[in-house]
């Protein structure tokens, strides 16, 4: 099942790489960066973990929304033929 989702994600990335990067890659990189920043600067790990968890949830929801809109565009283009 995960293999099928990977193929769909690769297709999604191929059709719109910028939007896909902004919705999935950038929030994850930001979460990792914040965790590293909190470690280096001695900020409470609870705050950094909460932020990282929020960014991960955002990435999952935003990528799902992007995938759904991509499928809708495919369906509309198929129906108009």
Protein backbone atom coordinates (compact mmCIF):
# COMPACT_ATOMS: atom_id res chain seq x y z
CA UNK A 1 0.00 0.00 0.00
CA UNK A 2 2.83 2.39 0.85
CA UNK A 3 4.43 1.66 -2.54
CA UNK A 4 1.25 2.83 -4.29
CA UNK A 5 1.23 6.03 -2.25
CA UNK A 6 4.90 6.60 -3.13
CA UNK A 7 4.06 6.34 -6.82
CA UNK A 8 1.19 8.79 -6.38
CA UNK A 9 3.47 11.18 -4.49
CA UNK A 10 6.09 10.91 -7.24
CA UNK A 11 3.40 11.70 -9.83
CA UNK A 12 2.18 14.60 -7.72
CA UNK A 13 5.73 15.92 -7.38
CA UNK A 14 6.30 15.55 -11.13
CA UNK A 15 3.17 17.52 -12.05
CA UNK A 16 3.63 20.39 -9.59
CA UNK A 17 7.04 20.30 -7.87
CA UNK A 18 6.91 23.77 -6.31
CA UNK A 19 3.54 23.35 -4.61
CA UNK A 20 4.46 19.83 -3.54
CA UNK A 21 7.72 21.06 -2.01
CA UNK A 22 5.98 23.91 -0.21
CA UNK A 23 3.35 21.63 1.28
CA UNK A 24 5.48 18.67 2.29
CA UNK A 25 9.24 19.21 2.20
CA UNK A 26 9.55 22.75 3.59
CA UNK A 27 7.42 22.18 6.75
CA UNK A 28 9.40 19.02 7.57
CA UNK A 29 12.70 20.84 7.07
CA UNK A 30 11.44 23.68 9.25
CA UNK A 31 10.49 21.22 11.99
CA UNK A 32 13.93 19.61 11.92
CA UNK A 33 15.59 23.00 11.89
CA UNK A 34 13.60 24.13 14.91
CA UNK A 35 14.50 20.98 16.83
CA UNK A 36 18.17 21.55 16.06
CA UNK A 37 17.90 25.23 16.95
CA UNK A 38 16.31 24.47 20.30
CA UNK A 39 19.04 21.94 21.09
CA UNK A 40 21.84 24.37 20.22
CA UNK A 41 20.31 27.33 22.07
CA UNK A 42 19.01 25.44 25.09
CA UNK A 43 15.32 26.12 24.54
CA UNK A 44 12.84 23.80 26.20
CA UNK A 45 12.42 20.62 24.14
CA UNK A 46 8.69 20.63 24.88
CA UNK A 47 8.21 23.86 22.95
CA UNK A 48 10.33 22.67 20.03
CA UNK A 49 8.62 19.26 19.95
CA UNK A 50 5.21 20.93 19.96
CA UNK A 51 6.21 23.13 17.05
CA UNK A 52 7.69 20.18 15.16
CA UNK A 53 4.55 18.11 15.71
CA UNK A 54 2.41 20.98 14.47
CA UNK A 55 4.52 21.32 11.32
CA UNK A 56 4.35 17.57 10.67
CA UNK A 57 0.56 17.58 11.00
CA UNK A 58 0.40 20.62 8.71
CA UNK A 59 2.55 18.82 6.11
CA UNK A 60 0.32 15.74 6.18
CA UNK A 61 -2.91 17.72 5.87
CA UNK A 62 -1.60 20.12 3.23
CA UNK A 63 -0.13 17.30 1.13
CA UNK A 64 -3.42 15.41 1.35
CA UNK A 65 -5.31 18.49 0.22
CA UNK A 66 -2.87 19.03 -2.63
CA UNK A 67 -3.23 15.37 -3.70
CA UNK A 68 -7.03 15.62 -3.60
CA UNK A 69 -7.05 18.75 -5.75
CA UNK A 70 -4.68 17.05 -8.20
CA UNK A 71 -7.01 14.03 -8.45
CA UNK A 72 -9.96 16.36 -8.97
CA UNK A 73 -8.14 18.14 -11.82
CA UNK A 74 -7.38 14.75 -13.40
CA UNK A 75 -11.01 13.68 -13.06
CA UNK A 76 -12.28 16.92 -14.58
CA UNK A 77 -9.88 16.67 -17.50
CA UNK A 78 -10.94 13.07 -18.13
CA UNK A 79 -14.65 13.95 -17.90
CA UNK A 80 -14.32 16.85 -20.35
CA UNK A 81 -12.94 14.62 -23.11
